[in-house]
N, C-alpha and C. Protein backbone atom coordinates (compact mmCIF):
# COMPACT_ATOMS: atom_id res chain seq x y z
N UNK A 1 83.84 97.21 115.79
CA UNK A 1 82.92 98.32 115.71
C UNK A 1 81.81 98.12 116.75
N UNK A 2 81.58 99.18 117.53
CA UNK A 2 80.54 99.12 118.55
C UNK A 2 79.15 99.12 117.91
N UNK A 3 78.20 98.66 118.66
CA UNK A 3 76.83 98.62 118.18
C UNK A 3 76.33 100.02 117.79
N UNK A 4 76.67 101.01 118.59
CA UNK A 4 76.25 102.38 118.28
C UNK A 4 76.92 102.88 116.99
N UNK A 5 78.16 102.46 116.74
CA UNK A 5 78.84 102.83 115.51
C UNK A 5 78.16 102.19 114.30
N UNK A 6 77.76 100.95 114.44
CA UNK A 6 77.06 100.27 113.35
C UNK A 6 75.74 100.97 113.03
N UNK A 7 75.06 101.44 114.05
CA UNK A 7 73.80 102.15 113.85
C UNK A 7 74.02 103.44 113.07
N UNK A 8 75.07 104.16 113.43
CA UNK A 8 75.41 105.40 112.71
C UNK A 8 75.79 105.07 111.28
N UNK A 9 76.62 104.06 111.10
CA UNK A 9 77.06 103.67 109.75
C UNK A 9 75.86 103.31 108.87
N UNK A 10 74.94 102.55 109.41
CA UNK A 10 73.76 102.17 108.63
C UNK A 10 72.92 103.39 108.26
N UNK A 11 72.80 104.34 109.17
CA UNK A 11 72.03 105.56 108.89
C UNK A 11 72.71 106.38 107.80
N UNK A 12 74.02 106.51 107.88
CA UNK A 12 74.77 107.24 106.85
C UNK A 12 74.60 106.54 105.51
N UNK A 13 74.79 105.25 105.51
CA UNK A 13 74.69 104.47 104.27
C UNK A 13 73.30 104.61 103.64
N UNK A 14 72.26 104.55 104.44
CA UNK A 14 70.90 104.70 103.92
C UNK A 14 70.71 106.08 103.29
N UNK A 15 71.13 107.11 104.00
CA UNK A 15 70.99 108.47 103.48
C UNK A 15 71.74 108.65 102.17
N UNK A 16 72.98 108.19 102.12
CA UNK A 16 73.79 108.38 100.91
C UNK A 16 73.32 107.50 99.76
N UNK A 17 72.78 106.34 100.06
CA UNK A 17 72.21 105.50 99.01
C UNK A 17 71.03 106.19 98.36
N UNK A 18 70.18 106.82 99.16
CA UNK A 18 69.04 107.55 98.61
C UNK A 18 69.50 108.66 97.68
N UNK A 19 70.51 109.41 98.11
CA UNK A 19 71.04 110.49 97.27
C UNK A 19 71.65 109.91 96.00
N UNK A 20 72.44 108.87 96.13
CA UNK A 20 73.13 108.28 94.99
C UNK A 20 72.16 107.79 93.92
N UNK A 21 71.15 107.07 94.33
CA UNK A 21 70.20 106.52 93.37
C UNK A 21 69.51 107.62 92.57
N UNK A 22 69.13 108.68 93.22
CA UNK A 22 68.46 109.78 92.54
C UNK A 22 69.46 110.58 91.70
N UNK A 23 70.65 110.82 92.22
CA UNK A 23 71.66 111.60 91.49
C UNK A 23 72.09 110.89 90.21
N UNK A 24 72.15 109.58 90.23
CA UNK A 24 72.51 108.83 89.03
C UNK A 24 71.52 109.11 87.90
N UNK A 25 70.28 109.37 88.25
CA UNK A 25 69.23 109.64 87.27
C UNK A 25 69.16 111.11 86.86
N UNK A 26 69.61 112.02 87.73
CA UNK A 26 69.32 113.44 87.50
C UNK A 26 70.54 114.34 87.35
N UNK A 27 71.72 113.87 87.70
CA UNK A 27 72.92 114.73 87.63
C UNK A 27 73.87 114.13 86.59
N UNK A 28 74.01 114.83 85.48
CA UNK A 28 74.85 114.37 84.38
C UNK A 28 76.28 114.16 84.85
N UNK A 29 76.82 112.97 84.58
CA UNK A 29 78.20 112.66 84.90
C UNK A 29 78.43 112.13 86.31
N UNK A 30 77.43 112.21 87.17
CA UNK A 30 77.58 111.69 88.53
C UNK A 30 77.77 110.18 88.45
N UNK A 31 78.73 109.65 89.24
CA UNK A 31 79.03 108.22 89.21
C UNK A 31 78.72 107.50 90.51
N UNK A 32 79.21 108.03 91.63
CA UNK A 32 79.01 107.35 92.90
C UNK A 32 79.34 108.29 94.05
N UNK A 33 78.99 107.82 95.24
CA UNK A 33 79.22 108.59 96.46
C UNK A 33 79.78 107.65 97.52
N UNK A 34 80.69 108.17 98.33
CA UNK A 34 81.27 107.37 99.39
C UNK A 34 81.53 108.26 100.60
N UNK A 35 81.93 107.64 101.69
CA UNK A 35 82.19 108.43 102.89
C UNK A 35 83.25 107.74 103.76
N UNK A 36 83.84 108.55 104.62
CA UNK A 36 84.71 108.05 105.68
C UNK A 36 84.27 108.72 106.97
N UNK A 37 84.54 108.05 108.08
CA UNK A 37 84.17 108.62 109.37
C UNK A 37 85.00 107.97 110.47
N UNK A 38 85.35 108.77 111.46
CA UNK A 38 85.97 108.27 112.68
C UNK A 38 84.89 108.41 113.75
N UNK A 39 84.37 107.30 114.21
CA UNK A 39 83.21 107.33 115.12
C UNK A 39 83.51 108.00 116.45
N UNK A 40 84.78 108.03 116.84
CA UNK A 40 85.14 108.71 118.09
C UNK A 40 84.92 110.21 117.99
N UNK A 41 84.93 110.73 116.75
CA UNK A 41 84.79 112.17 116.53
C UNK A 41 83.61 112.50 115.62
N UNK A 42 82.61 111.65 115.63
CA UNK A 42 81.43 111.85 114.82
C UNK A 42 80.54 112.90 115.47
N UNK A 43 79.92 113.80 114.73
CA UNK A 43 79.85 113.92 113.27
C UNK A 43 80.95 114.78 112.65
N UNK A 44 81.81 115.40 113.46
CA UNK A 44 82.86 116.26 112.91
C UNK A 44 83.75 115.55 111.91
N UNK A 45 83.96 114.27 112.09
CA UNK A 45 84.90 113.53 111.26
C UNK A 45 84.29 113.01 109.96
N UNK A 46 83.00 113.19 109.78
CA UNK A 46 82.34 112.69 108.58
C UNK A 46 82.85 113.42 107.34
N UNK A 47 83.24 112.67 106.34
CA UNK A 47 83.69 113.22 105.07
C UNK A 47 82.98 112.46 103.95
N UNK A 48 82.35 113.20 103.05
CA UNK A 48 81.57 112.59 101.96
C UNK A 48 82.18 113.03 100.64
N UNK A 49 82.36 112.07 99.74
CA UNK A 49 82.95 112.33 98.44
C UNK A 49 81.98 111.94 97.33
N UNK A 50 81.68 112.89 96.46
CA UNK A 50 80.83 112.65 95.29
C UNK A 50 81.73 112.58 94.06
N UNK A 51 81.66 111.49 93.34
CA UNK A 51 82.53 111.28 92.18
C UNK A 51 81.77 111.49 90.88
N UNK A 52 82.47 112.14 89.94
CA UNK A 52 81.95 112.36 88.59
C UNK A 52 82.82 111.61 87.60
N UNK A 53 82.29 111.38 86.42
CA UNK A 53 83.02 110.57 85.44
C UNK A 53 84.24 111.26 84.86
N UNK A 54 84.19 112.60 84.73
CA UNK A 54 85.33 113.31 84.18
C UNK A 54 85.29 114.78 84.61
N UNK A 55 86.39 115.50 84.45
CA UNK A 55 86.44 116.90 84.89
C UNK A 55 85.39 117.79 84.22
N UNK A 56 85.10 117.52 82.95
CA UNK A 56 84.12 118.34 82.24
C UNK A 56 82.73 118.21 82.87
N UNK A 57 82.37 117.01 83.27
CA UNK A 57 81.07 116.80 83.93
C UNK A 57 81.00 117.52 85.26
N UNK A 58 82.10 117.49 86.00
CA UNK A 58 82.13 118.18 87.29
C UNK A 58 82.05 119.70 87.10
N UNK A 59 82.77 120.21 86.12
CA UNK A 59 82.72 121.65 85.83
C UNK A 59 81.30 122.06 85.45
N UNK A 60 80.65 121.25 84.62
CA UNK A 60 79.27 121.54 84.21
C UNK A 60 78.32 121.48 85.39
N UNK A 61 78.53 120.51 86.27
CA UNK A 61 77.67 120.38 87.46
C UNK A 61 77.82 121.61 88.35
N UNK A 62 79.03 122.07 88.51
CA UNK A 62 79.26 123.27 89.33
C UNK A 62 78.68 124.51 88.66
N UNK A 63 78.80 124.60 87.34
CA UNK A 63 78.27 125.75 86.61
C UNK A 63 76.74 125.84 86.73
N UNK A 64 76.09 124.69 86.80
CA UNK A 64 74.63 124.67 86.93
C UNK A 64 74.17 124.51 88.38
N UNK A 65 75.13 124.64 89.30
CA UNK A 65 74.88 124.56 90.74
C UNK A 65 74.34 123.21 91.21
N UNK A 66 74.61 122.18 90.45
CA UNK A 66 74.23 120.82 90.86
C UNK A 66 75.04 120.39 92.08
N UNK A 67 76.25 120.94 92.24
CA UNK A 67 77.05 120.61 93.42
C UNK A 67 76.36 121.11 94.69
N UNK A 68 75.84 122.32 94.65
CA UNK A 68 75.12 122.86 95.80
C UNK A 68 73.83 122.09 96.04
N UNK A 69 73.18 121.69 94.97
CA UNK A 69 71.97 120.88 95.08
C UNK A 69 72.30 119.55 95.77
N UNK A 70 73.39 118.92 95.36
CA UNK A 70 73.79 117.65 95.98
C UNK A 70 74.10 117.84 97.47
N UNK A 71 74.78 118.92 97.81
CA UNK A 71 75.09 119.18 99.22
C UNK A 71 73.82 119.33 100.04
N UNK A 72 72.88 120.12 99.55
CA UNK A 72 71.62 120.31 100.29
C UNK A 72 70.85 118.99 100.40
N UNK A 73 70.89 118.21 99.34
CA UNK A 73 70.21 116.92 99.29
C UNK A 73 70.82 115.96 100.31
N UNK A 74 72.14 115.92 100.36
CA UNK A 74 72.84 115.07 101.33
C UNK A 74 72.49 115.51 102.75
N UNK A 75 72.54 116.81 102.98
CA UNK A 75 72.22 117.36 104.30
C UNK A 75 70.80 116.97 104.72
N UNK A 76 69.86 117.06 103.80
CA UNK A 76 68.46 116.72 104.07
C UNK A 76 68.30 115.22 104.38
N UNK A 77 68.94 114.38 103.58
CA UNK A 77 68.83 112.93 103.80
C UNK A 77 69.48 112.52 105.11
N UNK A 78 70.61 113.14 105.45
CA UNK A 78 71.23 112.84 106.74
C UNK A 78 70.34 113.30 107.89
N UNK A 79 69.71 114.45 107.74
CA UNK A 79 68.80 114.96 108.78
C UNK A 79 67.63 114.01 109.00
N UNK A 80 67.16 113.38 107.93
CA UNK A 80 66.08 112.39 108.06
C UNK A 80 66.51 111.22 108.94
N UNK A 81 67.83 110.99 109.00
CA UNK A 81 68.39 109.92 109.82
C UNK A 81 68.87 110.46 111.17
N UNK A 82 68.46 111.68 111.50
CA UNK A 82 68.86 112.35 112.75
C UNK A 82 70.35 112.60 112.84
N UNK A 83 70.97 112.85 111.70
CA UNK A 83 72.37 113.22 111.64
C UNK A 83 72.41 114.67 111.16
N UNK A 84 72.74 115.56 112.07
CA UNK A 84 72.74 116.99 111.77
C UNK A 84 74.18 117.44 111.49
N UNK A 85 74.35 118.04 110.34
CA UNK A 85 75.65 118.54 109.93
C UNK A 85 75.60 120.07 109.97
N UNK A 86 76.51 120.66 110.72
CA UNK A 86 76.51 122.12 110.89
C UNK A 86 77.02 122.86 109.67
N UNK A 87 78.02 122.32 109.01
CA UNK A 87 78.58 122.99 107.84
C UNK A 87 78.77 121.96 106.73
N UNK A 88 77.75 121.80 105.91
CA UNK A 88 77.78 120.78 104.86
C UNK A 88 78.93 121.02 103.88
N UNK A 89 79.33 122.28 103.70
CA UNK A 89 80.41 122.59 102.77
C UNK A 89 81.75 122.01 103.21
N UNK A 90 81.93 121.82 104.49
CA UNK A 90 83.19 121.25 104.98
C UNK A 90 83.15 119.72 104.99
N UNK A 91 81.99 119.14 104.76
CA UNK A 91 81.82 117.68 104.81
C UNK A 91 81.83 117.05 103.42
N UNK A 92 81.23 117.74 102.45
CA UNK A 92 81.07 117.17 101.10
C UNK A 92 82.12 117.75 100.16
N UNK A 93 82.77 116.85 99.41
CA UNK A 93 83.71 117.27 98.38
C UNK A 93 83.40 116.53 97.08
N UNK A 94 84.02 116.98 96.02
CA UNK A 94 83.77 116.43 94.69
C UNK A 94 85.09 116.10 94.02
N UNK A 95 85.07 115.05 93.20
CA UNK A 95 86.26 114.65 92.47
C UNK A 95 85.82 113.93 91.21
N UNK A 96 86.80 113.55 90.38
CA UNK A 96 86.50 112.83 89.16
C UNK A 96 87.32 111.56 89.08
N UNK A 97 86.81 110.62 88.33
CA UNK A 97 87.52 109.36 88.14
C UNK A 97 88.69 109.51 87.17
N UNK A 98 88.60 110.50 86.30
CA UNK A 98 89.63 110.75 85.30
C UNK A 98 90.42 111.98 85.73
N UNK A 99 91.71 111.89 85.70
CA UNK A 99 92.59 113.01 86.08
C UNK A 99 93.09 113.73 84.84
N UNK A 100 93.22 115.05 84.97
CA UNK A 100 93.84 115.83 83.90
C UNK A 100 95.34 115.84 84.19
N UNK A 101 96.13 115.55 83.18
CA UNK A 101 97.60 115.51 83.36
C UNK A 101 98.23 116.77 82.86
């Protein structure tokens, strides 16, 4: 990993850690957040995943627009790190740890 890639990674990690810590306290069912990125195609390649404990929690979060709140929050925290995302909806996704069969 190049030095510039490490700098980007640290900035992403800081931004997402800030969101995660607050979301754990304020968003019912939120569990964790993670990301993947291909530095050769950054920021287009950035993908962020917000995990919830179960499908019911995710449905409730979407019903109360907590998903949109999380997206705006992530976008704001990334911007604080000078990472500008043009379409946050294409970057952030949601899933659950428990699958419905």
